[in-house]
Structure formats: structure tokens, C-alpha cells
N, C-alpha and C. Protein backbone atom coordinates (compact mmCIF):
# COMPACT_ATOMS: atom_id res chain seq x y z
N UNK A 1 -36.57 -86.85 260.20
CA UNK A 1 -36.15 -85.72 259.86
C UNK A 1 -36.13 -85.58 258.30
N UNK A 2 -36.86 -86.37 257.70
CA UNK A 2 -36.92 -86.24 256.24
C UNK A 2 -37.37 -84.98 255.58
N UNK A 3 -38.68 -84.73 256.01
CA UNK A 3 -39.28 -83.44 255.37
C UNK A 3 -38.76 -82.07 255.60
N UNK A 4 -38.31 -82.02 256.72
CA UNK A 4 -37.87 -80.70 257.32
C UNK A 4 -36.33 -80.64 257.54
N UNK A 5 -35.61 -81.61 257.16
CA UNK A 5 -34.18 -81.74 257.35
C UNK A 5 -33.45 -80.41 257.06
N UNK A 6 -33.63 -79.89 255.89
CA UNK A 6 -32.72 -78.72 255.55
C UNK A 6 -33.03 -77.49 256.25
N UNK A 7 -34.48 -77.22 256.54
CA UNK A 7 -34.89 -76.11 257.30
C UNK A 7 -34.35 -76.12 258.84
N UNK A 8 -34.33 -77.41 259.34
CA UNK A 8 -33.85 -77.58 260.73
C UNK A 8 -32.33 -77.42 260.73
N UNK A 9 -31.56 -77.84 259.76
CA UNK A 9 -30.16 -77.62 259.84
C UNK A 9 -29.85 -76.18 259.54
N UNK A 10 -30.58 -75.42 258.83
CA UNK A 10 -30.44 -73.95 258.72
C UNK A 10 -30.59 -73.34 260.01
N UNK A 11 -31.69 -73.60 260.65
CA UNK A 11 -32.00 -72.95 261.88
C UNK A 11 -30.90 -73.30 263.02
N UNK A 12 -30.50 -74.52 262.86
CA UNK A 12 -29.40 -74.80 263.84
C UNK A 12 -28.10 -74.00 263.57
N UNK A 13 -27.81 -73.86 262.29
CA UNK A 13 -26.65 -73.17 262.01
C UNK A 13 -26.73 -71.70 262.53
N UNK A 14 -27.88 -71.19 262.27
CA UNK A 14 -28.17 -69.77 262.83
C UNK A 14 -28.08 -69.59 264.28
N UNK A 15 -28.52 -70.77 264.91
CA UNK A 15 -28.51 -70.71 266.40
C UNK A 15 -26.98 -70.78 266.93
N UNK A 16 -26.10 -71.65 266.16
CA UNK A 16 -24.78 -71.69 266.42
C UNK A 16 -24.20 -70.39 266.25
N UNK A 17 -24.53 -69.54 265.35
CA UNK A 17 -23.87 -68.13 265.26
C UNK A 17 -24.53 -67.38 266.29
N UNK A 18 -25.62 -67.51 266.76
CA UNK A 18 -26.16 -66.72 267.92
C UNK A 18 -25.52 -67.04 269.13
N UNK A 19 -25.26 -68.28 269.46
CA UNK A 19 -24.52 -68.55 270.63
C UNK A 19 -23.13 -68.06 270.61
N UNK A 20 -22.50 -68.18 269.46
CA UNK A 20 -21.00 -67.63 269.43
C UNK A 20 -21.19 -65.94 269.61
N UNK A 21 -22.13 -65.45 269.10
CA UNK A 21 -22.40 -63.99 269.42
C UNK A 21 -22.50 -63.69 270.77
N UNK A 22 -23.27 -64.63 271.63
CA UNK A 22 -23.35 -64.21 273.10
C UNK A 22 -22.03 -64.37 273.60
N UNK A 23 -21.31 -65.56 273.24
CA UNK A 23 -19.93 -65.69 273.85
C UNK A 23 -19.17 -64.43 273.75
N UNK A 24 -19.07 -63.86 272.56
CA UNK A 24 -18.38 -62.62 272.32
C UNK A 24 -18.81 -61.53 273.16
N UNK A 25 -20.21 -61.44 273.18
CA UNK A 25 -20.68 -60.29 274.04
C UNK A 25 -20.29 -60.28 275.55
N UNK A 26 -20.20 -61.61 276.00
CA UNK A 26 -19.67 -61.83 277.38
C UNK A 26 -18.21 -61.66 277.43
N UNK A 27 -17.43 -61.96 276.54
CA UNK A 27 -15.90 -61.72 276.48
C UNK A 27 -15.78 -60.31 276.49
N UNK A 28 -16.65 -59.46 275.81
CA UNK A 28 -16.36 -58.08 275.57
C UNK A 28 -17.09 -57.30 276.78
N UNK A 29 -17.57 -58.03 277.69
CA UNK A 29 -18.28 -57.23 278.91
C UNK A 29 -19.45 -56.59 278.45
N UNK A 30 -20.10 -56.98 277.66
CA UNK A 30 -21.41 -56.20 277.09
C UNK A 30 -22.51 -56.15 278.19
N UNK A 31 -23.28 -55.19 278.25
CA UNK A 31 -24.43 -54.97 279.12
C UNK A 31 -25.20 -56.27 279.30
N UNK A 32 -25.51 -56.51 280.48
CA UNK A 32 -26.12 -57.87 280.92
C UNK A 32 -27.54 -57.98 280.30
N UNK A 33 -28.28 -56.89 280.16
CA UNK A 33 -29.62 -56.97 279.57
C UNK A 33 -29.65 -57.31 278.16
N UNK A 34 -28.61 -56.80 277.34
CA UNK A 34 -28.21 -57.08 276.04
C UNK A 34 -27.94 -58.69 275.88
N UNK A 35 -27.15 -59.05 276.64
CA UNK A 35 -26.98 -60.50 276.56
C UNK A 35 -28.14 -61.39 276.98
N UNK A 36 -28.88 -60.96 278.01
CA UNK A 36 -30.18 -61.75 278.18
C UNK A 36 -31.10 -61.68 277.19
N UNK A 37 -31.16 -60.56 276.49
CA UNK A 37 -32.06 -60.38 275.20
C UNK A 37 -31.70 -61.53 274.20
N UNK A 38 -30.37 -61.69 273.94
CA UNK A 38 -30.07 -62.60 273.00
C UNK A 38 -30.04 -64.01 273.50
N UNK A 39 -29.97 -64.27 274.78
CA UNK A 39 -30.28 -65.67 275.18
C UNK A 39 -31.78 -66.08 274.98
N UNK A 40 -32.65 -64.94 275.23
CA UNK A 40 -34.02 -65.31 274.93
C UNK A 40 -34.34 -65.55 273.65
N UNK A 41 -33.64 -64.88 272.63
CA UNK A 41 -33.72 -65.10 271.26
C UNK A 41 -33.25 -66.43 270.75
N UNK A 42 -32.36 -66.89 271.57
CA UNK A 42 -31.72 -68.31 271.27
C UNK A 42 -32.87 -69.32 271.67
N UNK A 43 -33.38 -69.08 272.88
CA UNK A 43 -34.31 -70.15 273.38
C UNK A 43 -35.48 -70.11 272.48
N UNK A 44 -35.94 -69.04 272.03
CA UNK A 44 -37.10 -68.86 271.11
C UNK A 44 -36.86 -69.76 269.74
N UNK A 45 -35.63 -69.55 269.17
CA UNK A 45 -35.16 -70.12 268.01
C UNK A 45 -35.10 -71.67 268.19
N UNK A 46 -34.51 -72.05 269.38
CA UNK A 46 -34.45 -73.43 269.74
C UNK A 46 -35.82 -74.13 269.68
N UNK A 47 -36.79 -73.38 270.29
CA UNK A 47 -38.25 -73.90 270.36
C UNK A 47 -38.71 -74.14 268.93
N UNK A 48 -38.32 -73.30 268.00
CA UNK A 48 -38.69 -73.49 266.65
C UNK A 48 -38.17 -74.64 265.95
N UNK A 49 -37.02 -74.99 266.39
CA UNK A 49 -36.22 -76.23 265.92
C UNK A 49 -36.95 -77.47 266.45
N UNK A 50 -37.33 -77.32 267.62
CA UNK A 50 -38.10 -78.46 268.37
C UNK A 50 -39.47 -78.72 267.67
N UNK A 51 -40.17 -77.59 267.14
CA UNK A 51 -41.42 -77.73 266.59
C UNK A 51 -41.17 -78.33 265.18
N UNK A 52 -40.26 -78.07 264.47
CA UNK A 52 -39.84 -78.72 263.16
C UNK A 52 -39.69 -80.25 263.26
N UNK A 53 -38.89 -80.52 264.30
CA UNK A 53 -38.59 -81.87 264.60
C UNK A 53 -39.83 -82.61 265.03
N UNK A 54 -40.69 -82.03 265.77
CA UNK A 54 -41.87 -82.63 266.29
C UNK A 54 -42.71 -82.93 265.17
N UNK A 55 -42.92 -81.84 264.34
CA UNK A 55 -43.82 -81.98 263.18
C UNK A 55 -43.39 -83.10 262.23
N UNK A 56 -42.15 -83.29 262.09
CA UNK A 56 -41.69 -84.38 261.19
C UNK A 56 -41.84 -85.64 261.95
N UNK A 57 -41.59 -85.83 263.15
CA UNK A 57 -42.07 -87.05 263.82
C UNK A 57 -43.41 -87.41 263.62
N UNK A 58 -44.23 -86.42 263.90
CA UNK A 58 -45.79 -86.69 263.75
C UNK A 58 -46.05 -87.04 262.24
N UNK A 59 -45.43 -86.42 261.27
CA UNK A 59 -45.72 -86.79 259.89
C UNK A 59 -45.18 -88.03 259.38
N UNK A 60 -44.08 -88.45 260.07
CA UNK A 60 -43.41 -89.69 259.48
C UNK A 60 -43.59 -90.86 260.49
N UNK A 61 -42.95 -90.91 261.68
CA UNK A 61 -42.95 -91.91 262.59
C UNK A 61 -44.45 -92.20 263.11
N UNK A 62 -44.96 -91.23 263.65
CA UNK A 62 -46.47 -91.51 264.25
C UNK A 62 -47.37 -92.09 263.07
N UNK A 63 -47.27 -91.45 261.91
CA UNK A 63 -48.12 -91.76 260.82
C UNK A 63 -47.76 -93.14 260.35
N UNK A 64 -46.68 -93.58 260.28
CA UNK A 64 -46.17 -95.15 260.06
C UNK A 64 -46.70 -96.02 261.07
N UNK A 65 -46.71 -95.53 262.49
CA UNK A 65 -47.19 -96.53 263.37
C UNK A 65 -48.71 -96.73 263.22
N UNK A 66 -49.41 -95.64 262.86
CA UNK A 66 -50.81 -95.68 262.67
C UNK A 66 -51.19 -96.52 261.43
N UNK A 67 -50.41 -96.38 260.47
CA UNK A 67 -50.71 -97.15 259.27
C UNK A 67 -50.41 -98.67 259.41
N UNK A 68 -49.49 -98.85 260.41
CA UNK A 68 -48.88 -100.40 260.59
C UNK A 68 -50.12 -101.13 261.08
N UNK A 69 -50.97 -100.64 261.77
CA UNK A 69 -52.00 -101.40 262.37
C UNK A 69 -51.63 -102.09 263.75
N UNK A 70 -50.35 -101.89 263.96
CA UNK A 70 -49.74 -102.50 265.31
C UNK A 70 -50.13 -101.68 266.40
N UNK A 71 -51.14 -102.27 267.30
CA UNK A 71 -51.50 -101.37 268.44
C UNK A 71 -50.32 -101.07 269.42
N UNK A 72 -49.42 -101.90 269.65
CA UNK A 72 -48.27 -101.66 270.52
C UNK A 72 -47.35 -100.57 270.02
N UNK A 73 -47.14 -100.65 268.78
CA UNK A 73 -46.38 -99.52 268.04
C UNK A 73 -46.99 -98.22 268.20
N UNK A 74 -48.36 -98.29 267.86
CA UNK A 74 -49.09 -96.95 268.01
C UNK A 74 -49.16 -96.50 269.50
N UNK A 75 -49.25 -97.28 270.56
CA UNK A 75 -49.24 -96.87 271.75
C UNK A 75 -47.75 -96.23 272.23
N UNK A 76 -46.85 -96.93 271.63
CA UNK A 76 -45.57 -96.36 271.93
C UNK A 76 -45.45 -94.96 271.43
N UNK A 77 -45.81 -94.72 270.05
CA UNK A 77 -45.71 -93.39 269.48
C UNK A 77 -46.36 -92.44 270.20
N UNK A 78 -47.61 -92.87 270.67
CA UNK A 78 -48.57 -91.95 271.48
C UNK A 78 -47.80 -91.64 272.69
N UNK A 79 -47.24 -92.49 273.50
CA UNK A 79 -46.63 -92.22 274.69
C UNK A 79 -45.46 -91.27 274.57
N UNK A 80 -44.73 -91.57 273.40
CA UNK A 80 -43.63 -90.57 273.08
C UNK A 80 -44.18 -89.22 272.94
N UNK A 81 -45.30 -88.92 272.24
CA UNK A 81 -45.72 -87.54 272.09
C UNK A 81 -46.25 -86.99 273.25
N UNK A 82 -46.91 -87.79 274.14
CA UNK A 82 -47.39 -87.36 275.47
C UNK A 82 -46.10 -86.94 276.29
N UNK A 83 -45.12 -87.74 276.29
CA UNK A 83 -43.83 -87.40 277.18
C UNK A 83 -43.23 -86.08 276.66
N UNK A 84 -43.25 -85.89 275.36
CA UNK A 84 -42.68 -84.65 274.89
C UNK A 84 -43.46 -83.42 275.27
N UNK A 85 -44.80 -83.60 275.21
CA UNK A 85 -45.75 -82.50 275.65
C UNK A 85 -45.66 -82.38 277.20
N UNK A 86 -45.46 -83.27 277.87
CA UNK A 86 -45.27 -83.15 279.43
C UNK A 86 -44.04 -82.38 279.69
N UNK A 87 -42.88 -82.67 278.93
CA UNK A 87 -41.73 -81.82 279.25
C UNK A 87 -41.99 -80.26 278.80
N UNK A 88 -42.56 -80.10 277.69
CA UNK A 88 -42.88 -78.72 277.19
C UNK A 88 -43.70 -78.03 278.25
N UNK A 89 -44.47 -78.68 278.84
CA UNK A 89 -45.48 -77.99 279.76
C UNK A 89 -44.84 -77.57 281.02
N UNK A 90 -43.64 -78.05 281.42
CA UNK A 90 -43.06 -77.87 282.66
C UNK A 90 -42.48 -76.56 282.80
């Protein structure tokens, strides 16, 4: 999380505010569709956080494994990436 740490933290802070906003909406008995629209926005924003973290992982951890020349370390990082993509595709 070196390169994109600040951007990730800012997005998470914004997400925290969005979640609190949804909680208020529920407490105020707001219209269900409006609440669902906000939860969709939260899901989308969280996906963007995941992209930042994945980019950082590829740029730092995976790159280090490739540069190390250690085949087992390289395989491990590759398996991690494949595992993440499998979860995203579900």
C-alpha cells in the first residue's frame, strides 16, 4: 500500500461517510429505492478501493517476486492474483 496509500485512505473515509448516510436514511425511514441506490454507490466505491489495492500489490509485491528470481515466490504471487480474480468473477 505504498504508492496509493493516501488515495485509498481518502476513498475509505468517503465510504465511511456514505455508510453512515445509509444508516441515517434507514433510521429516518427513507424510501427503499433511494437507500438501495446509495448501497449500490457504496459497492461501486468499494470496488474502486479494491482496484487501488490490487494495483499497488501488482506494482510492489508481484514486481518484487518477479525481480527476486525465486520461482516459488513468483508462483505464490501469481496464485494470489488468480485467487483474487476468481473471487471478483463470482
